[in-house]
């Protein structure tokens, strides 16, 4: 399984790159995909990241884990019809989807959290439509095919959870130790 991390201008730098870093340390192919039409994407903190691919040129195989970083740029996800349709399609197939910070609100507004437990950045709970909202101290919540996380400070937790789901708890624990996260 590979991971597709979607980047848009205004994404939260740490939320995207920490998760991508952890996944790549686990030798999980992780592609950064720009939804802006430009290969260079500017984070909310002004960091310019070169994506691996553009969304309109990317070939999906149907078994990827789709990952949405948060940040103020999350609002741009709503403007990307192809991404929204992809999220709905993957959810119907029960494929894995992950979102952090404000991005779980996109899943909620699409109705993908119906009947699931979910978490988001404080203030976005009302947009987790149909979900049982989990609050602190939980940092990451996986319910079925969807994993959500609270925000920048929980980025490593999310990365380790995705490693556990894809490659097993032993590797996730090894990365937790080797990155001094314990």
Protein backbone atom coordinates (compact mmCIF):
# COMPACT_ATOMS: atom_id res chain seq x y z
CA UNK A 1 0.00 0.00 0.00
CA UNK A 2 1.17 3.50 -0.72
CA UNK A 3 0.06 6.81 0.74
CA UNK A 4 -1.07 9.87 -1.20
CA UNK A 5 -0.58 13.08 0.77
CA UNK A 6 -2.52 15.96 -0.78
CA UNK A 7 -0.93 19.40 -0.60
CA UNK A 8 -2.55 22.74 -1.21
CA UNK A 9 -1.33 26.26 -0.57
CA UNK A 10 -1.74 26.99 3.12
CA UNK A 11 -1.20 23.42 4.34
CA UNK A 12 0.25 23.01 7.83
CA UNK A 13 3.95 22.25 7.34
CA UNK A 14 4.52 19.98 10.34
CA UNK A 15 1.27 18.07 9.90
CA UNK A 16 2.18 17.14 6.35
CA UNK A 17 5.92 16.66 6.55
CA UNK A 18 6.16 14.91 9.93
CA UNK A 19 3.60 12.32 8.85
CA UNK A 20 5.31 11.88 5.46
CA UNK A 21 8.69 11.56 7.19
CA UNK A 22 7.46 8.83 9.54
CA UNK A 23 5.83 6.92 6.67
CA UNK A 24 8.95 7.10 4.53
CA UNK A 25 11.12 5.97 7.48
CA UNK A 26 8.86 2.90 7.54
CA UNK A 27 9.62 2.38 3.84
CA UNK A 28 6.02 3.12 2.89
CA UNK A 29 5.85 4.73 -0.54
CA UNK A 30 4.35 8.15 0.08
CA UNK A 31 3.60 10.51 -2.78
CA UNK A 32 3.04 14.22 -2.22
CA UNK A 33 0.33 15.32 -4.64
CA UNK A 34 -0.37 18.97 -5.39
CA UNK A 35 -4.00 19.90 -5.95
CA UNK A 36 -3.05 23.46 -6.96
CA UNK A 37 -1.97 22.79 -10.54
CA UNK A 38 1.58 23.83 -9.56
CA UNK A 39 4.26 21.35 -8.47
CA UNK A 40 5.50 23.86 -5.87
CA UNK A 41 3.15 24.29 -2.94
CA UNK A 42 3.50 26.95 -0.23
CA UNK A 43 2.67 26.01 3.34
CA UNK A 44 0.88 28.24 5.83
CA UNK A 45 4.30 28.98 7.32
CA UNK A 46 5.78 30.01 3.96
CA UNK A 47 7.74 26.81 3.33
CA UNK A 48 7.73 25.88 -0.34
CA UNK A 49 7.54 22.13 -0.93
CA UNK A 50 7.97 20.47 -4.29
CA UNK A 51 5.24 17.86 -4.68
CA UNK A 52 5.98 14.58 -6.41
CA UNK A 53 2.99 14.80 -8.74
CA UNK A 54 0.06 16.95 -9.79
CA UNK A 55 -3.39 15.58 -9.02
CA UNK A 56 -4.60 15.80 -12.61
CA UNK A 57 -1.60 13.72 -13.79
CA UNK A 58 -1.49 11.15 -10.98
CA UNK A 59 -2.52 7.57 -11.70
CA UNK A 60 -4.38 6.03 -8.78
CA UNK A 61 -4.31 2.26 -8.43
CA UNK A 62 -7.28 2.08 -6.07
CA UNK A 63 -5.61 0.85 -2.91
CA UNK A 64 -3.83 3.97 -1.69
CA UNK A 65 -4.31 5.54 1.71
CA UNK A 66 -5.47 9.13 1.13
CA UNK A 67 -4.05 11.67 3.60
CA UNK A 68 -5.25 15.25 4.11
CA UNK A 69 -3.02 17.56 6.17
CA UNK A 70 -4.78 20.47 7.87
CA UNK A 71 -3.97 24.14 8.14
CA UNK A 72 -5.85 27.13 6.74
CA UNK A 73 -5.41 25.69 3.25
CA UNK A 74 -7.84 22.87 4.08
CA UNK A 75 -10.61 25.08 2.67
CA UNK A 76 -9.09 24.56 -0.79
CA UNK A 77 -9.96 20.87 -0.61
CA UNK A 78 -13.61 21.89 -1.10
CA UNK A 79 -12.69 23.57 -4.39
CA UNK A 80 -11.10 20.41 -5.79
CA UNK A 81 -13.97 18.34 -7.16
CA UNK A 82 -11.64 15.53 -8.26
CA UNK A 83 -10.29 15.14 -4.73
CA UNK A 84 -13.74 15.19 -3.15
CA UNK A 85 -14.96 12.52 -5.57
CA UNK A 86 -11.84 10.44 -4.87
CA UNK A 87 -12.46 10.62 -1.11
CA UNK A 88 -16.06 9.50 -1.58
CA UNK A 89 -15.03 6.66 -3.91
CA UNK A 90 -12.33 5.41 -1.55
CA UNK A 91 -14.68 5.55 1.40
CA UNK A 92 -17.32 3.50 -0.47
CA UNK A 93 -14.64 0.87 -1.07
CA UNK A 94 -13.68 1.01 2.63
CA UNK A 95 -10.16 2.12 1.68
CA UNK A 96 -8.08 3.97 4.24
CA UNK A 97 -8.38 7.74 4.63
CA UNK A 98 -6.55 9.92 7.17
CA UNK A 99 -6.95 13.59 8.07
CA UNK A 100 -5.51 15.88 10.73
CA UNK A 101 -6.39 19.20 12.37
CA UNK A 102 -9.05 21.04 10.35
CA UNK A 103 -9.03 18.47 7.51
CA UNK A 104 -11.33 15.95 9.27
CA UNK A 105 -14.05 18.61 8.80
CA UNK A 106 -13.86 17.93 5.06
CA UNK A 107 -14.60 14.26 5.71
CA UNK A 108 -17.45 15.22 8.03
CA UNK A 109 -18.99 17.64 5.56
CA UNK A 110 -18.85 14.91 2.89
CA UNK A 111 -20.73 12.56 5.22
CA UNK A 112 -17.80 10.13 5.46
CA UNK A 113 -17.74 10.17 9.27
CA UNK A 114 -21.34 9.03 9.70
CA UNK A 115 -21.45 6.57 12.62
CA UNK A 116 -17.70 6.76 13.25
CA UNK A 117 -15.59 8.13 16.08
CA UNK A 118 -13.47 11.08 15.00
CA UNK A 119 -11.33 13.90 16.34
CA UNK A 120 -10.27 17.29 14.94
CA UNK A 121 -8.71 20.57 15.95
CA UNK A 122 -10.81 22.23 18.69
CA UNK A 123 -13.52 24.38 17.10
CA UNK A 124 -14.13 22.03 14.16
CA UNK A 125 -16.23 19.49 16.08
CA UNK A 126 -19.54 20.69 14.61
CA UNK A 127 -18.24 19.92 11.12
CA UNK A 128 -17.62 16.27 11.99
CA UNK A 129 -21.17 15.55 10.84
CA UNK A 130 -22.55 12.21 11.95
CA UNK A 131 -19.48 11.34 14.03
CA UNK A 132 -19.11 10.62 17.69
CA UNK A 133 -16.64 13.38 18.52
CA UNK A 134 -13.74 12.31 20.70
CA UNK A 135 -11.92 14.96 22.71
CA UNK A 136 -8.60 15.27 24.54
CA UNK A 137 -6.63 13.51 25.81
CA UNK A 138 -7.04 11.31 22.70
CA UNK A 139 -4.56 12.32 20.01
CA UNK A 140 -5.46 9.97 17.15
CA UNK A 141 -8.65 8.03 16.49
CA UNK A 142 -9.04 5.18 14.02
CA UNK A 143 -12.56 3.92 13.38
CA UNK A 144 -12.87 1.46 10.55
CA UNK A 145 -11.16 2.86 7.46
CA UNK A 146 -10.81 6.44 8.73
CA UNK A 147 -8.09 7.85 10.98
CA UNK A 148 -8.29 11.39 12.34
CA UNK A 149 -5.95 13.43 14.53
CA UNK A 150 -6.09 16.72 16.45
CA UNK A 151 -3.34 18.92 15.06
CA UNK A 152 0.29 19.81 14.63
CA UNK A 153 1.31 18.47 18.04
CA UNK A 154 -0.16 15.06 17.21
CA UNK A 155 1.51 14.68 13.80
CA UNK A 156 4.02 12.05 14.90
CA UNK A 157 1.24 10.14 16.65
CA UNK A 158 -0.70 10.09 13.39
CA UNK A 159 2.33 8.95 11.39
CA UNK A 160 2.99 6.12 13.84
CA UNK A 161 -0.69 5.09 13.79
CA UNK A 162 -0.62 4.90 9.99
CA UNK A 163 2.58 2.82 10.10
CA UNK A 164 0.89 0.48 12.58
CA UNK A 165 -2.16 0.14 10.33
CA UNK A 166 -0.11 -0.47 7.18
CA UNK A 167 2.91 -2.42 8.40
CA UNK A 168 2.17 -3.48 11.96
CA UNK A 169 2.65 -2.46 15.55
CA UNK A 170 6.19 -3.81 15.83
CA UNK A 171 7.54 -1.43 13.19
CA UNK A 172 5.56 1.48 14.65
CA UNK A 173 7.05 0.75 18.08
CA UNK A 174 10.55 0.51 16.59
CA UNK A 175 10.13 3.92 14.92
CA UNK A 176 8.74 5.38 18.14
CA UNK A 177 11.93 4.30 19.91
CA UNK A 178 14.40 5.21 17.15
CA UNK A 179 12.97 8.71 16.76
CA UNK A 180 13.18 9.28 20.52
CA UNK A 181 9.42 9.70 20.72
CA UNK A 182 9.21 7.68 23.94
